[in-house]
N, C-alpha and C. Protein backbone atom coordinates (compact mmCIF):
# COMPACT_ATOMS: atom_id res chain seq x y z
N UNK A 1 -142.21 -68.82 10.30
CA UNK A 1 -141.18 -68.24 11.35
C UNK A 1 -140.36 -67.65 11.42
N UNK A 2 -139.88 -68.89 10.39
CA UNK A 2 -138.25 -68.74 10.30
C UNK A 2 -138.08 -67.55 9.19
N UNK A 3 -138.73 -67.60 8.01
CA UNK A 3 -138.42 -66.60 6.95
C UNK A 3 -138.58 -65.12 7.83
N UNK A 4 -139.89 -65.23 8.78
CA UNK A 4 -139.61 -63.78 8.83
C UNK A 4 -138.53 -63.07 9.86
N UNK A 5 -138.38 -64.58 10.56
CA UNK A 5 -136.90 -63.67 11.97
C UNK A 5 -135.86 -63.87 11.00
N UNK A 6 -135.65 -64.33 9.41
CA UNK A 6 -134.19 -64.37 8.50
C UNK A 6 -134.48 -62.93 8.17
N UNK A 7 -135.87 -62.37 8.09
CA UNK A 7 -135.83 -61.09 7.17
C UNK A 7 -136.13 -59.93 8.10
N UNK A 8 -135.91 -60.45 9.75
CA UNK A 8 -135.69 -59.29 10.61
C UNK A 8 -133.89 -58.92 10.80
N UNK A 9 -133.40 -60.16 10.27
CA UNK A 9 -131.79 -59.82 10.70
C UNK A 9 -130.84 -58.90 9.88
N UNK A 10 -131.47 -58.64 8.22
CA UNK A 10 -130.51 -57.40 7.62
C UNK A 10 -131.41 -55.79 8.11
N UNK A 11 -132.55 -56.15 8.61
CA UNK A 11 -132.94 -54.68 8.88
C UNK A 11 -132.10 -54.23 10.49
N UNK A 12 -131.77 -55.40 11.30
CA UNK A 12 -130.86 -55.07 12.51
C UNK A 12 -130.07 -54.65 12.14
N UNK A 13 -129.18 -55.48 10.76
CA UNK A 13 -127.51 -55.15 10.77
C UNK A 13 -127.82 -53.23 9.88
N UNK A 14 -128.75 -53.71 9.43
CA UNK A 14 -128.87 -52.16 8.45
C UNK A 14 -129.20 -50.92 9.97
N UNK A 15 -129.50 -51.28 10.50
CA UNK A 15 -129.58 -50.54 11.92
C UNK A 15 -128.17 -49.93 12.22
N UNK A 16 -127.12 -51.38 12.64
CA UNK A 16 -126.16 -50.92 13.47
C UNK A 16 -125.21 -50.27 12.38
N UNK A 17 -125.52 -50.21 11.02
CA UNK A 17 -124.58 -49.76 10.36
C UNK A 17 -124.51 -48.21 10.49
N UNK A 18 -126.22 -47.86 10.47
CA UNK A 18 -126.49 -46.56 10.57
C UNK A 18 -125.97 -45.70 11.62
N UNK A 19 -126.08 -46.71 13.38
CA UNK A 19 -125.64 -45.90 14.07
C UNK A 19 -124.22 -45.61 13.87
N UNK A 20 -123.30 -46.97 13.11
CA UNK A 20 -122.08 -46.74 13.54
C UNK A 20 -121.20 -45.66 12.83
N UNK A 21 -122.49 -45.63 11.35
CA UNK A 21 -122.36 -44.36 10.02
C UNK A 21 -121.85 -42.69 11.24
N UNK A 22 -123.00 -42.73 11.99
CA UNK A 22 -123.09 -41.63 12.62
C UNK A 22 -122.49 -41.49 13.47
N UNK A 23 -122.05 -42.32 14.74
CA UNK A 23 -120.88 -41.95 15.17
C UNK A 23 -119.78 -41.41 14.33
N UNK A 24 -119.55 -42.56 13.20
CA UNK A 24 -118.04 -41.83 13.06
C UNK A 24 -118.23 -40.25 12.39
N UNK A 25 -119.18 -40.10 11.42
CA UNK A 25 -119.91 -39.04 11.14
C UNK A 25 -119.29 -37.59 11.85
N UNK A 26 -120.10 -38.28 13.42
CA UNK A 26 -120.49 -36.79 14.31
C UNK A 26 -118.37 -37.22 15.18
N UNK A 27 -117.81 -37.98 15.04
CA UNK A 27 -116.18 -38.08 15.55
C UNK A 27 -115.69 -37.55 14.82
N UNK A 28 -115.81 -36.90 12.93
CA UNK A 28 -115.07 -36.41 12.16
C UNK A 28 -115.58 -34.70 12.21
N UNK A 29 -116.96 -35.18 12.53
CA UNK A 29 -117.06 -33.64 12.84
C UNK A 29 -116.57 -32.83 14.11
N UNK A 30 -116.54 -33.66 15.13
CA UNK A 30 -115.73 -33.28 16.52
C UNK A 30 -114.20 -32.60 16.19
N UNK A 31 -113.36 -33.92 15.60
CA UNK A 31 -111.98 -34.13 14.83
C UNK A 31 -111.63 -32.88 13.95
N UNK A 32 -112.29 -32.51 13.68
CA UNK A 32 -112.46 -31.41 12.10
C UNK A 32 -112.44 -29.59 13.46
N UNK A 33 -113.37 -30.09 14.19
CA UNK A 33 -113.59 -28.66 15.26
C UNK A 33 -112.40 -28.53 15.87
N UNK A 34 -111.85 -29.78 16.51
CA UNK A 34 -110.62 -29.47 17.20
C UNK A 34 -109.50 -28.89 16.22
N UNK A 35 -109.54 -29.45 15.17
CA UNK A 35 -107.81 -28.95 14.31
C UNK A 35 -108.21 -27.30 13.94
N UNK A 36 -109.67 -27.10 13.54
CA UNK A 36 -109.58 -25.88 12.92
C UNK A 36 -109.23 -25.15 14.61
N UNK A 37 -110.02 -25.11 15.27
CA UNK A 37 -109.50 -24.46 16.37
C UNK A 37 -108.61 -24.17 17.18
N UNK A 38 -107.59 -25.31 17.37
CA UNK A 38 -105.93 -25.62 17.38
C UNK A 38 -105.33 -24.54 16.30
N UNK A 39 -105.72 -24.54 15.28
CA UNK A 39 -105.15 -23.58 14.44
C UNK A 39 -105.19 -22.51 14.30
N UNK A 40 -106.81 -22.18 14.82
CA UNK A 40 -107.30 -20.69 15.01
C UNK A 40 -106.40 -19.77 16.64
N UNK A 41 -106.49 -20.68 17.42
CA UNK A 41 -105.58 -20.50 18.77
C UNK A 41 -104.59 -19.94 18.88
N UNK A 42 -103.28 -20.46 17.91
CA UNK A 42 -102.35 -20.31 17.46
C UNK A 42 -101.50 -18.59 17.25
N UNK A 43 -102.40 -18.08 16.15
CA UNK A 43 -102.12 -16.43 15.83
C UNK A 43 -102.77 -15.77 16.73
N UNK A 44 -103.43 -16.57 17.69
CA UNK A 44 -104.85 -15.37 18.82
C UNK A 44 -103.49 -15.01 19.83
N UNK A 45 -102.90 -16.68 20.12
CA UNK A 45 -101.94 -16.56 21.54
C UNK A 45 -101.11 -15.68 20.86
N UNK A 46 -99.92 -16.07 19.52
CA UNK A 46 -99.35 -15.20 19.48
C UNK A 46 -99.39 -13.46 19.19
N UNK A 47 -100.86 -12.90 18.99
CA UNK A 47 -101.02 -11.73 19.53
C UNK A 47 -101.35 -11.29 21.03
N UNK A 48 -101.57 -11.98 21.57
CA UNK A 48 -101.33 -11.27 22.51
C UNK A 48 -100.25 -11.45 23.40
N UNK A 49 -99.18 -11.83 22.95
CA UNK A 49 -97.85 -12.06 23.71
C UNK A 49 -96.99 -10.45 23.30
N UNK A 50 -97.44 -9.53 24.46
CA UNK A 50 -97.06 -8.31 24.40
C UNK A 50 -95.41 -8.10 25.14
N UNK A 51 -94.45 -9.07 25.72
CA UNK A 51 -93.35 -8.95 26.05
C UNK A 51 -92.57 -8.01 25.54
N UNK A 52 -91.86 -7.22 26.18
CA UNK A 52 -91.27 -6.38 25.56
C UNK A 52 -89.85 -7.31 25.00
N UNK A 53 -89.51 -6.80 23.71
CA UNK A 53 -88.41 -7.78 23.39
C UNK A 53 -87.26 -6.89 23.53
N UNK A 54 -86.58 -7.07 24.78
CA UNK A 54 -85.56 -7.06 25.18
C UNK A 54 -84.22 -7.81 24.92
N UNK A 55 -82.68 -7.94 25.02
CA UNK A 55 -82.18 -8.87 24.10
C UNK A 55 -82.21 -9.77 25.23
N UNK A 56 -82.60 -9.30 26.27
CA UNK A 56 -82.75 -10.53 27.66
C UNK A 56 -83.79 -11.14 27.03
N UNK A 57 -84.80 -10.48 26.84
CA UNK A 57 -85.90 -11.34 26.41
C UNK A 57 -86.03 -12.62 24.91
N UNK A 58 -85.01 -12.08 24.38
CA UNK A 58 -85.03 -12.49 23.30
C UNK A 58 -83.92 -13.86 23.67
N UNK A 59 -82.64 -13.39 24.55
CA UNK A 59 -81.82 -14.81 24.56
C UNK A 59 -83.02 -16.00 25.56
N UNK A 60 -83.52 -15.40 26.24
CA UNK A 60 -84.28 -16.17 27.78
C UNK A 60 -85.23 -17.48 26.55
N UNK A 61 -86.24 -16.52 25.95
CA UNK A 61 -87.29 -16.96 24.82
C UNK A 61 -86.51 -18.07 23.97
N UNK A 62 -85.77 -17.48 23.39
CA UNK A 62 -84.74 -18.61 22.23
C UNK A 62 -83.76 -19.54 22.93
N UNK A 63 -83.43 -19.16 24.24
CA UNK A 63 -82.57 -20.04 25.13
C UNK A 63 -81.18 -20.32 24.46
N UNK A 64 -80.47 -19.83 24.44
CA UNK A 64 -79.24 -19.29 24.19
C UNK A 64 -78.29 -20.35 24.79
N UNK A 65 -77.45 -20.82 23.71
CA UNK A 65 -76.57 -21.21 24.55
C UNK A 65 -74.75 -21.02 23.73
N UNK A 66 -74.58 -20.14 22.54
CA UNK A 66 -73.53 -20.04 22.16
C UNK A 66 -73.19 -18.25 22.29
N UNK A 67 -72.24 -17.56 22.57
CA UNK A 67 -71.97 -16.37 22.42
C UNK A 67 -72.19 -15.88 21.79
N UNK A 68 -72.15 -16.34 20.29
CA UNK A 68 -71.86 -15.81 18.88
C UNK A 68 -73.87 -14.91 18.98
N UNK A 69 -74.51 -16.22 19.48
CA UNK A 69 -76.12 -16.25 19.25
C UNK A 69 -75.98 -15.03 20.19
N UNK A 70 -76.16 -14.86 21.57
CA UNK A 70 -76.01 -13.80 22.48
C UNK A 70 -76.03 -12.57 21.90
N UNK A 71 -74.42 -12.26 21.40
CA UNK A 71 -73.96 -10.74 20.44
C UNK A 71 -75.27 -10.64 19.47
N UNK A 72 -75.45 -11.87 18.79
CA UNK A 72 -76.50 -11.34 17.38
C UNK A 72 -77.67 -10.63 17.77
N UNK A 73 -78.01 -11.48 19.37
CA UNK A 73 -79.50 -11.12 19.73
C UNK A 73 -79.12 -9.81 19.70
N UNK A 74 -78.29 -9.46 20.69
CA UNK A 74 -78.30 -7.64 21.40
C UNK A 74 -78.01 -7.28 20.26
N UNK A 75 -77.70 -7.28 19.16
CA UNK A 75 -77.40 -6.71 17.99
C UNK A 75 -79.04 -6.40 17.53
N UNK A 76 -80.20 -7.00 17.39
CA UNK A 76 -80.99 -7.07 16.61
C UNK A 76 -81.98 -6.19 17.88
N UNK A 77 -81.87 -6.63 19.27
CA UNK A 77 -82.99 -5.66 19.66
C UNK A 77 -82.38 -4.29 19.48
N UNK A 78 -80.65 -3.98 19.69
CA UNK A 78 -80.61 -2.50 19.69
C UNK A 78 -81.14 -2.46 18.29
N UNK A 79 -81.31 -2.57 17.68
CA UNK A 79 -81.57 -1.99 16.15
C UNK A 79 -83.66 -1.86 16.12
N UNK A 80 -83.87 -2.92 16.41
CA UNK A 80 -85.42 -2.46 16.92
C UNK A 80 -85.61 -1.54 17.60
N UNK A 81 -84.91 -1.38 19.08
CA UNK A 81 -85.14 -0.32 19.86
C UNK A 81 -84.94 1.10 19.87
N UNK A 82 -83.95 1.22 18.60
CA UNK A 82 -83.75 2.57 17.68
C UNK A 82 -84.83 2.63 16.45
N UNK A 83 -85.51 1.71 16.23
CA UNK A 83 -86.71 1.84 15.04
C UNK A 83 -85.93 1.52 13.60
N UNK A 84 -83.89 0.71 13.58
CA UNK A 84 -83.71 0.70 12.62
C UNK A 84 -83.95 -0.47 11.54
N UNK A 85 -85.11 -1.14 12.80
CA UNK A 85 -85.64 -2.68 11.54
C UNK A 85 -86.75 -2.56 12.58
N UNK A 86 -87.93 -2.89 11.61
CA UNK A 86 -89.97 -2.27 12.45
C UNK A 86 -89.62 -3.69 13.81
N UNK A 87 -90.35 -3.28 15.17
CA UNK A 87 -90.15 -4.23 15.60
C UNK A 87 -91.53 -5.29 15.49
N UNK A 88 -91.71 -4.93 14.68
CA UNK A 88 -92.81 -5.98 14.56
C UNK A 88 -92.33 -7.28 13.56
N UNK A 89 -91.55 -6.87 12.76
CA UNK A 89 -90.73 -7.67 11.91
C UNK A 89 -89.79 -9.25 12.99
N UNK A 90 -89.24 -8.56 13.71
CA UNK A 90 -88.48 -9.07 15.07
C UNK A 90 -89.39 -9.66 15.78
N UNK A 91 -90.61 -8.97 16.30
CA UNK A 91 -91.54 -10.03 17.47
C UNK A 91 -91.81 -11.70 16.80
N UNK A 92 -92.92 -11.13 15.24
CA UNK A 92 -92.74 -12.38 14.14
C UNK A 92 -91.86 -13.66 14.35
N UNK A 93 -90.87 -13.08 13.76
CA UNK A 93 -89.90 -14.05 13.87
C UNK A 93 -89.16 -14.59 15.00
N UNK A 94 -89.02 -13.98 15.90
CA UNK A 94 -88.90 -14.53 17.05
C UNK A 94 -90.07 -15.54 17.77
N UNK A 95 -91.53 -15.11 17.76
CA UNK A 95 -92.25 -15.82 17.61
C UNK A 95 -92.60 -17.25 17.29
N UNK A 96 -91.97 -17.32 15.73
CA UNK A 96 -91.64 -18.26 15.14
C UNK A 96 -90.48 -19.22 15.34
N UNK A 97 -89.32 -19.23 15.75
CA UNK A 97 -87.97 -19.22 16.22
C UNK A 97 -88.37 -19.92 17.43
N UNK A 98 -89.10 -19.83 18.37
CA UNK A 98 -89.10 -19.86 19.46
C UNK A 98 -90.16 -21.72 19.54
N UNK A 99 -90.58 -21.89 18.62
CA UNK A 99 -91.46 -22.59 18.04
C UNK A 99 -90.31 -23.79 17.44
N UNK A 100 -89.24 -23.73 17.11
CA UNK A 100 -88.10 -24.91 16.62
C UNK A 100 -87.67 -25.41 17.88
N UNK A 101 -86.87 -26.17 16.81
CA UNK A 101 -86.33 -27.16 18.08
C UNK A 101 -85.26 -26.83 18.93
N UNK A 102 -84.68 -27.27 20.24
CA UNK A 102 -83.62 -26.74 20.91
C UNK A 102 -82.79 -27.73 20.80
N UNK A 103 -81.93 -26.76 20.81
CA UNK A 103 -80.68 -26.05 21.03
C UNK A 103 -80.78 -24.85 19.45
N UNK A 104 -80.92 -25.18 18.57
CA UNK A 104 -81.13 -24.55 17.37
C UNK A 104 -81.93 -23.35 16.65
N UNK A 105 -83.09 -22.92 18.42
CA UNK A 105 -83.84 -21.65 17.69
C UNK A 105 -83.21 -20.16 17.44
N UNK A 106 -81.70 -19.71 18.11
CA UNK A 106 -81.41 -18.63 17.56
C UNK A 106 -80.52 -18.85 16.41
N UNK A 107 -80.66 -20.11 15.85
CA UNK A 107 -79.74 -20.29 14.49
C UNK A 107 -81.17 -20.04 13.76
N UNK A 108 -82.12 -20.20 13.72
CA UNK A 108 -83.75 -20.49 13.11
C UNK A 108 -83.42 -19.00 13.08
N UNK A 109 -83.51 -18.47 14.20
CA UNK A 109 -84.36 -16.74 13.76
C UNK A 109 -82.91 -15.95 13.50
N UNK A 110 -82.02 -16.08 13.23
CA UNK A 110 -81.05 -15.47 12.95
C UNK A 110 -80.87 -15.91 11.14
N UNK A 111 -81.49 -16.74 10.82
CA UNK A 111 -80.94 -17.32 9.56
C UNK A 111 -82.72 -16.43 8.87
N UNK A 112 -83.40 -16.57 9.40
CA UNK A 112 -84.59 -15.98 9.19
C UNK A 112 -85.02 -14.13 8.83
N UNK A 113 -83.80 -13.56 10.00
CA UNK A 113 -84.11 -12.33 10.38
C UNK A 113 -83.55 -11.57 9.19
N UNK A 114 -82.24 -12.28 9.14
CA UNK A 114 -82.02 -12.01 7.58
C UNK A 114 -82.55 -12.07 6.36
N UNK A 115 -82.97 -12.73 6.14
CA UNK A 115 -84.14 -12.91 5.10
C UNK A 115 -84.89 -12.56 4.42
N UNK A 116 -85.85 -12.20 5.72
CA UNK A 116 -87.33 -11.17 5.84
C UNK A 116 -86.86 -9.76 6.00
N UNK A 117 -85.47 -9.20 7.11
CA UNK A 117 -85.30 -7.85 6.54
C UNK A 117 -84.63 -7.69 5.28
N UNK A 118 -83.94 -8.86 4.42
CA UNK A 118 -83.28 -8.44 3.27
C UNK A 118 -84.66 -7.69 1.67
N UNK A 119 -85.25 -8.61 2.27
CA UNK A 119 -86.90 -8.25 1.88
C UNK A 119 -87.33 -6.80 1.52
N UNK A 120 -87.24 -6.63 3.27
CA UNK A 120 -87.26 -4.89 3.06
C UNK A 120 -86.48 -3.91 3.06
N UNK A 121 -85.28 -4.52 2.43
CA UNK A 121 -84.14 -3.56 1.80
C UNK A 121 -83.26 -3.58 3.09
N UNK A 122 -83.32 -4.11 4.22
CA UNK A 122 -82.84 -4.18 5.57
C UNK A 122 -81.68 -4.80 5.13
N UNK A 123 -80.12 -4.47 5.14
CA UNK A 123 -79.36 -5.78 4.98
C UNK A 123 -78.46 -5.77 6.26
N UNK A 124 -79.02 -7.22 6.88
CA UNK A 124 -77.96 -6.94 8.56
C UNK A 124 -76.82 -8.09 8.10
N UNK A 125 -76.26 -8.22 9.00
CA UNK A 125 -74.45 -9.03 8.94
C UNK A 125 -74.99 -10.52 8.98
N UNK A 126 -74.11 -11.34 8.13
CA UNK A 126 -74.20 -12.68 8.61
C UNK A 126 -73.24 -13.50 9.15
N UNK A 127 -72.11 -12.54 9.55
CA UNK A 127 -71.05 -13.12 11.20
C UNK A 127 -71.53 -12.27 12.18
N UNK A 128 -71.18 -13.09 13.06
CA UNK A 128 -71.43 -12.17 14.78
C UNK A 128 -70.91 -10.77 14.26
N UNK A 129 -71.61 -9.98 14.92
CA UNK A 129 -71.78 -8.55 15.06
C UNK A 129 -71.22 -7.64 16.31
N UNK A 130 -70.51 -6.75 16.61
CA UNK A 130 -69.70 -6.46 17.29
C UNK A 130 -71.03 -5.81 18.61
N UNK A 131 -71.19 -6.22 19.88
CA UNK A 131 -71.74 -5.23 20.71
C UNK A 131 -71.17 -4.00 21.15
N UNK A 132 -70.25 -2.78 20.74
CA UNK A 132 -69.85 -2.27 20.83
C UNK A 132 -69.68 -1.24 19.35
N UNK A 133 -69.90 0.23 19.87
CA UNK A 133 -69.14 1.05 18.51
C UNK A 133 -68.39 2.29 18.97
N UNK A 134 -68.55 3.27 17.88
CA UNK A 134 -67.88 4.75 18.27
C UNK A 134 -68.42 5.29 18.04
N UNK A 135 -67.91 6.41 18.27
CA UNK A 135 -69.11 7.89 18.32
C UNK A 135 -68.00 8.45 17.93
N UNK A 136 -68.14 9.57 16.94
CA UNK A 136 -66.75 10.65 16.60
C UNK A 136 -67.75 11.73 15.90
N UNK A 137 -67.36 12.89 16.45
CA UNK A 137 -67.99 14.07 15.50
C UNK A 137 -67.02 15.43 16.05
N UNK A 138 -67.92 16.68 15.66
CA UNK A 138 -67.21 18.06 16.03
C UNK A 138 -68.12 18.73 17.20
N UNK A 139 -67.40 19.92 17.98
CA UNK A 139 -68.04 20.64 18.06
C UNK A 139 -67.51 22.17 17.54
N UNK A 140 -68.96 22.58 17.33
CA UNK A 140 -68.88 23.88 16.12
C UNK A 140 -70.08 24.49 16.94
N UNK A 141 -69.48 26.15 15.92
CA UNK A 141 -70.33 27.23 16.45
C UNK A 141 -70.96 28.13 15.48
N UNK A 142 -71.79 28.48 15.13
CA UNK A 142 -72.03 29.37 13.73
C UNK A 142 -71.52 30.45 14.12
N UNK A 143 -70.79 31.00 13.37
CA UNK A 143 -70.55 32.85 13.62
C UNK A 143 -70.28 33.09 11.96
N UNK A 144 -71.55 33.79 11.63
CA UNK A 144 -71.82 34.92 10.80
C UNK A 144 -72.10 33.95 9.35
N UNK A 145 -73.16 32.26 9.44
CA UNK A 145 -72.84 31.58 8.29
C UNK A 145 -71.87 30.82 8.28
N UNK A 146 -70.72 30.77 9.30
CA UNK A 146 -69.37 30.18 8.94
C UNK A 146 -69.29 29.19 10.57
N UNK A 147 -68.94 27.50 10.01
CA UNK A 147 -68.64 26.70 11.32
C UNK A 147 -67.50 26.95 11.56
N UNK A 148 -67.67 27.12 13.00
CA UNK A 148 -65.97 27.70 13.81
C UNK A 148 -66.11 26.31 15.00
N UNK A 149 -65.17 25.75 14.33
CA UNK A 149 -64.40 24.87 15.22
C UNK A 149 -64.27 25.33 16.98
N UNK A 150 -65.07 24.20 18.41
CA UNK A 150 -64.78 25.11 19.54
C UNK A 150 -63.25 23.90 20.25
N UNK A 151 -62.16 24.31 19.97
CA UNK A 151 -61.52 23.23 20.80
C UNK A 151 -61.45 23.26 22.05
N UNK A 152 -60.87 22.50 22.82
CA UNK A 152 -61.41 21.80 24.14
C UNK A 152 -62.55 22.41 24.77
N UNK A 153 -63.44 22.07 23.88
CA UNK A 153 -65.00 21.52 24.47
C UNK A 153 -65.24 19.99 25.00
N UNK A 154 -66.08 20.50 26.28
CA UNK A 154 -65.97 19.26 27.23
C UNK A 154 -67.37 18.66 26.54
N UNK A 155 -66.91 16.96 26.01
CA UNK A 155 -68.19 16.21 25.49
C UNK A 155 -68.87 15.39 26.63
N UNK A 156 -69.97 15.01 26.82
CA UNK A 156 -70.04 13.86 28.24
C UNK A 156 -71.35 13.38 27.17
N UNK A 157 -71.02 11.71 27.64
CA UNK A 157 -71.68 10.98 27.24
C UNK A 157 -73.19 10.63 28.08
N UNK A 158 -74.60 11.20 27.99
CA UNK A 158 -75.21 10.99 28.77
C UNK A 158 -75.69 9.85 28.97
N UNK A 159 -75.93 9.15 30.38
CA UNK A 159 -76.23 8.04 31.44
C UNK A 159 -75.20 6.88 31.11
N UNK A 160 -73.80 7.83 30.83
CA UNK A 160 -72.91 7.34 31.60
C UNK A 160 -71.90 8.07 31.81
N UNK A 161 -70.38 7.41 32.61
CA UNK A 161 -69.43 8.78 33.39
C UNK A 161 -68.50 8.68 32.48
N UNK A 162 -69.02 8.68 30.76
CA UNK A 162 -67.84 9.32 30.25
C UNK A 162 -67.77 10.42 29.98
N UNK A 163 -66.63 11.01 29.52
CA UNK A 163 -66.43 12.45 29.30
C UNK A 163 -65.22 12.53 28.84
N UNK A 164 -64.68 13.27 27.64
CA UNK A 164 -63.90 13.51 26.85
C UNK A 164 -63.84 15.29 26.38
N UNK A 165 -62.32 15.44 25.87
CA UNK A 165 -62.00 16.67 25.49
C UNK A 165 -61.56 17.02 24.23
N UNK A 166 -62.56 17.77 23.14
CA UNK A 166 -62.39 18.20 21.80
C UNK A 166 -60.68 18.28 21.47
N UNK A 167 -60.01 18.02 20.50
CA UNK A 167 -58.84 18.80 20.39
C UNK A 167 -59.03 19.76 19.71
N UNK A 168 -57.90 20.50 18.82
CA UNK A 168 -57.92 21.89 18.55
C UNK A 168 -58.32 21.93 17.57
N UNK A 169 -59.15 21.07 16.76
CA UNK A 169 -60.39 20.98 15.45
C UNK A 169 -61.13 21.09 15.75
N UNK A 170 -61.58 20.64 17.46
CA UNK A 170 -62.85 20.59 17.86
C UNK A 170 -63.62 18.65 18.30
N UNK A 171 -62.53 18.58 17.39
CA UNK A 171 -63.28 16.89 17.16
C UNK A 171 -62.92 15.98 18.65
N UNK A 172 -63.73 14.94 18.66
CA UNK A 172 -63.54 14.31 19.64
C UNK A 172 -64.37 12.73 19.52
N UNK A 173 -63.87 11.87 20.25
CA UNK A 173 -64.64 10.45 19.88
C UNK A 173 -64.77 9.68 21.70
N UNK A 174 -65.57 8.73 21.01
CA UNK A 174 -65.64 7.92 22.21
C UNK A 174 -65.52 6.79 21.95
N UNK A 175 -64.47 5.25 22.18
CA UNK A 175 -64.73 4.33 21.44
C UNK A 175 -65.59 2.97 22.84
N UNK A 176 -65.75 2.22 21.71
CA UNK A 176 -66.61 0.16 23.14
C UNK A 176 -67.36 1.23 23.18
N UNK A 177 -68.27 1.99 22.57
CA UNK A 177 -69.36 2.17 23.52
C UNK A 177 -70.80 1.18 22.88
N UNK A 178 -71.35 0.76 24.25
CA UNK A 178 -72.39 0.06 24.19
C UNK A 178 -73.33 0.26 22.76
N UNK A 179 -73.64 -1.09 22.56
CA UNK A 179 -75.10 -0.90 21.16
C UNK A 179 -76.37 0.27 22.21
N UNK A 180 -76.84 0.98 21.60
CA UNK A 180 -77.93 2.22 22.09
C UNK A 180 -78.20 3.13 21.72
N UNK A 181 -78.99 4.38 22.12
CA UNK A 181 -79.35 5.42 21.78
C UNK A 181 -79.10 6.29 22.60
N UNK A 182 -78.05 7.31 22.60
CA UNK A 182 -77.59 8.27 23.29
C UNK A 182 -77.41 9.56 22.82
N UNK A 183 -77.68 10.79 23.88
CA UNK A 183 -77.30 11.96 24.10
C UNK A 183 -76.05 12.26 24.31
N UNK A 184 -75.30 13.59 23.47
CA UNK A 184 -74.10 14.39 23.90
C UNK A 184 -74.06 15.17 24.49
N UNK A 185 -73.71 15.87 25.50
CA UNK A 185 -73.83 17.26 25.68
C UNK A 185 -72.27 17.64 25.42
N UNK A 186 -72.25 19.11 25.01
CA UNK A 186 -71.04 19.66 24.88
C UNK A 186 -71.01 21.34 24.96
N UNK A 187 -69.94 21.69 26.06
CA UNK A 187 -69.47 23.29 26.65
C UNK A 187 -68.24 23.76 25.87
N UNK A 188 -68.39 24.85 26.04
CA UNK A 188 -67.18 25.50 25.47
C UNK A 188 -67.26 26.58 25.67
N UNK A 189 -66.45 27.20 24.91
CA UNK A 189 -66.22 28.93 24.94
C UNK A 189 -65.72 29.29 23.94
N UNK A 190 -66.64 30.35 22.68
CA UNK A 190 -65.51 30.95 22.12
C UNK A 190 -64.98 32.66 22.34
N UNK A 191 -64.23 32.74 22.54
CA UNK A 191 -63.62 34.29 23.14
C UNK A 191 -64.19 34.10 24.62
N UNK A 192 -65.06 34.86 25.40
CA UNK A 192 -65.69 35.02 26.30
C UNK A 192 -66.58 34.67 26.57
N UNK A 193 -67.12 33.98 25.15
CA UNK A 193 -68.72 33.93 25.26
C UNK A 193 -68.54 32.27 25.71
N UNK A 194 -69.83 31.58 26.75
CA UNK A 194 -69.66 30.60 26.85
C UNK A 194 -71.00 29.86 25.76
N UNK A 195 -70.48 28.58 25.98
CA UNK A 195 -71.37 27.79 24.71
C UNK A 195 -72.17 25.97 25.05
N UNK A 196 -73.20 26.21 24.06
CA UNK A 196 -73.23 24.50 25.27
C UNK A 196 -74.32 23.95 23.90
N UNK A 197 -74.12 22.85 23.68
CA UNK A 197 -75.23 21.93 22.90
C UNK A 197 -75.65 21.00 23.16
N UNK A 198 -76.31 20.24 22.01
CA UNK A 198 -76.33 18.44 22.19
C UNK A 198 -76.71 17.93 20.95
N UNK A 199 -76.66 16.56 21.01
CA UNK A 199 -76.50 15.74 19.85
C UNK A 199 -77.18 14.40 20.20
N UNK A 200 -77.73 13.89 18.98
CA UNK A 200 -78.14 12.50 19.28
C UNK A 200 -77.77 11.58 18.41
N UNK A 201 -77.36 10.13 18.77
CA UNK A 201 -76.48 9.37 18.36
C UNK A 201 -76.76 7.88 18.54
N UNK A 202 -76.85 7.13 17.52
CA UNK A 202 -77.49 6.22 17.99
C UNK A 202 -75.82 4.98 17.39
N UNK A 203 -75.73 3.86 18.07
CA UNK A 203 -75.04 2.68 17.68
C UNK A 203 -75.75 1.35 18.15
N UNK A 204 -75.41 0.72 16.82
CA UNK A 204 -74.88 0.87 15.72
C UNK A 204 -75.28 2.55 14.63
N UNK A 205 -74.97 2.71 13.99
CA UNK A 205 -75.10 3.98 13.11
C UNK A 205 -75.89 3.62 12.45
N UNK A 206 -76.81 4.40 11.92
CA UNK A 206 -77.94 3.75 10.86
C UNK A 206 -77.21 4.29 9.08
N UNK A 207 -77.75 3.37 8.47
CA UNK A 207 -78.44 2.20 8.45
C UNK A 207 -77.94 0.92 8.83
N UNK A 208 -77.78 0.22 9.26
CA UNK A 208 -77.21 -1.26 10.06
C UNK A 208 -75.76 -0.83 9.56
N UNK A 209 -74.48 -0.26 10.48
CA UNK A 209 -73.68 -0.10 9.69
C UNK A 209 -72.30 -0.81 10.85
N UNK A 210 -70.98 -1.09 9.93
CA UNK A 210 -70.22 -0.91 11.19
C UNK A 210 -69.27 0.10 11.29
N UNK A 211 -69.37 1.32 10.78
CA UNK A 211 -68.76 2.99 10.50
C UNK A 211 -69.03 3.40 12.06
N UNK A 212 -68.03 4.12 12.48
CA UNK A 212 -68.44 4.98 13.57
C UNK A 212 -69.55 5.52 13.28
N UNK A 213 -70.23 6.41 14.08
CA UNK A 213 -71.21 6.47 13.86
C UNK A 213 -70.61 8.44 14.24
N UNK A 214 -71.07 9.04 13.62
CA UNK A 214 -70.85 10.71 13.28
C UNK A 214 -72.14 11.89 14.12
N UNK A 215 -72.07 12.10 15.00
CA UNK A 215 -72.79 13.32 16.05
C UNK A 215 -71.75 14.49 15.90
N UNK A 216 -71.94 15.33 15.10
CA UNK A 216 -71.56 16.72 15.59
C UNK A 216 -72.56 17.79 16.29
N UNK A 217 -71.80 18.42 16.86
CA UNK A 217 -72.91 19.07 18.10
C UNK A 217 -72.73 20.57 17.52
N UNK A 218 -73.45 21.23 17.61
CA UNK A 218 -73.68 22.78 17.39
C UNK A 218 -74.16 23.27 18.88
N UNK A 219 -73.35 24.11 19.55
CA UNK A 219 -73.70 24.60 20.46
C UNK A 219 -73.74 26.39 20.32
N UNK A 220 -74.80 27.06 20.92
CA UNK A 220 -74.78 27.83 21.03
C UNK A 220 -74.85 29.03 21.94
C-alpha cells in the first residue's frame, strides 16, 4: 500500500506541473495578443485624427509655453496651408511630438520637422522666423507687347482693410503682412481707359524665404 501510495505522488506532481505550464502558456499568449493589439491600435488612432492643423491646433496639442515656439508653429502652419510643405509631413511629425514629454514637445517638433523637411529638399529656418512679411510689386499694362507701368494705381490687399497707391513707376509695397495667402486687386487708368487686375501672393514667399513676396499685377 505504501508503495502504491508513493507511486501516486509523482503522478500528482506531474499533473500539477502540467496545469502550471498550461496556465503560463495561456498567460503568455494573452500578453502577446495584448501587446500586438496596442501596437496596432496606435497607427489606427493616429490615422483617424483628422483635426485641421491650424496654428492654434499645433499650439494646443503641443502645449507651448515659449513665444518662440508659438512663432515657429504659426510659421509651419502657414507653410502647410499654402502647400509649401506637405501637410502629411506636418501631421505625422505633430502626432509623434505630441507623445513626447511636456514641456519639450514643441522643441521635439521643431527639430524633427527641420530634419524631415530637409530630406525632401525643403530648407526650414533653425532660428525663430518672423510671423509677418512684405509684399511688393508693380502694376502694369501691356501695350503693343510692351509692359507699361500704371502710376497712381490703387492696390488693395483683400481680406484686410489695407490699401496703397502705386508710385510714379507703378511700384507698391505692403509691410508687416501676417503669414497667409492673399489676393491683391489693382485699379488704375491709362489715358482715358480704366483698367483693373489681380494677383495672388503668399507670405512667406515660396520656397520658404525671408525675402519679400513679389506680386506684379497685370491690369487690363
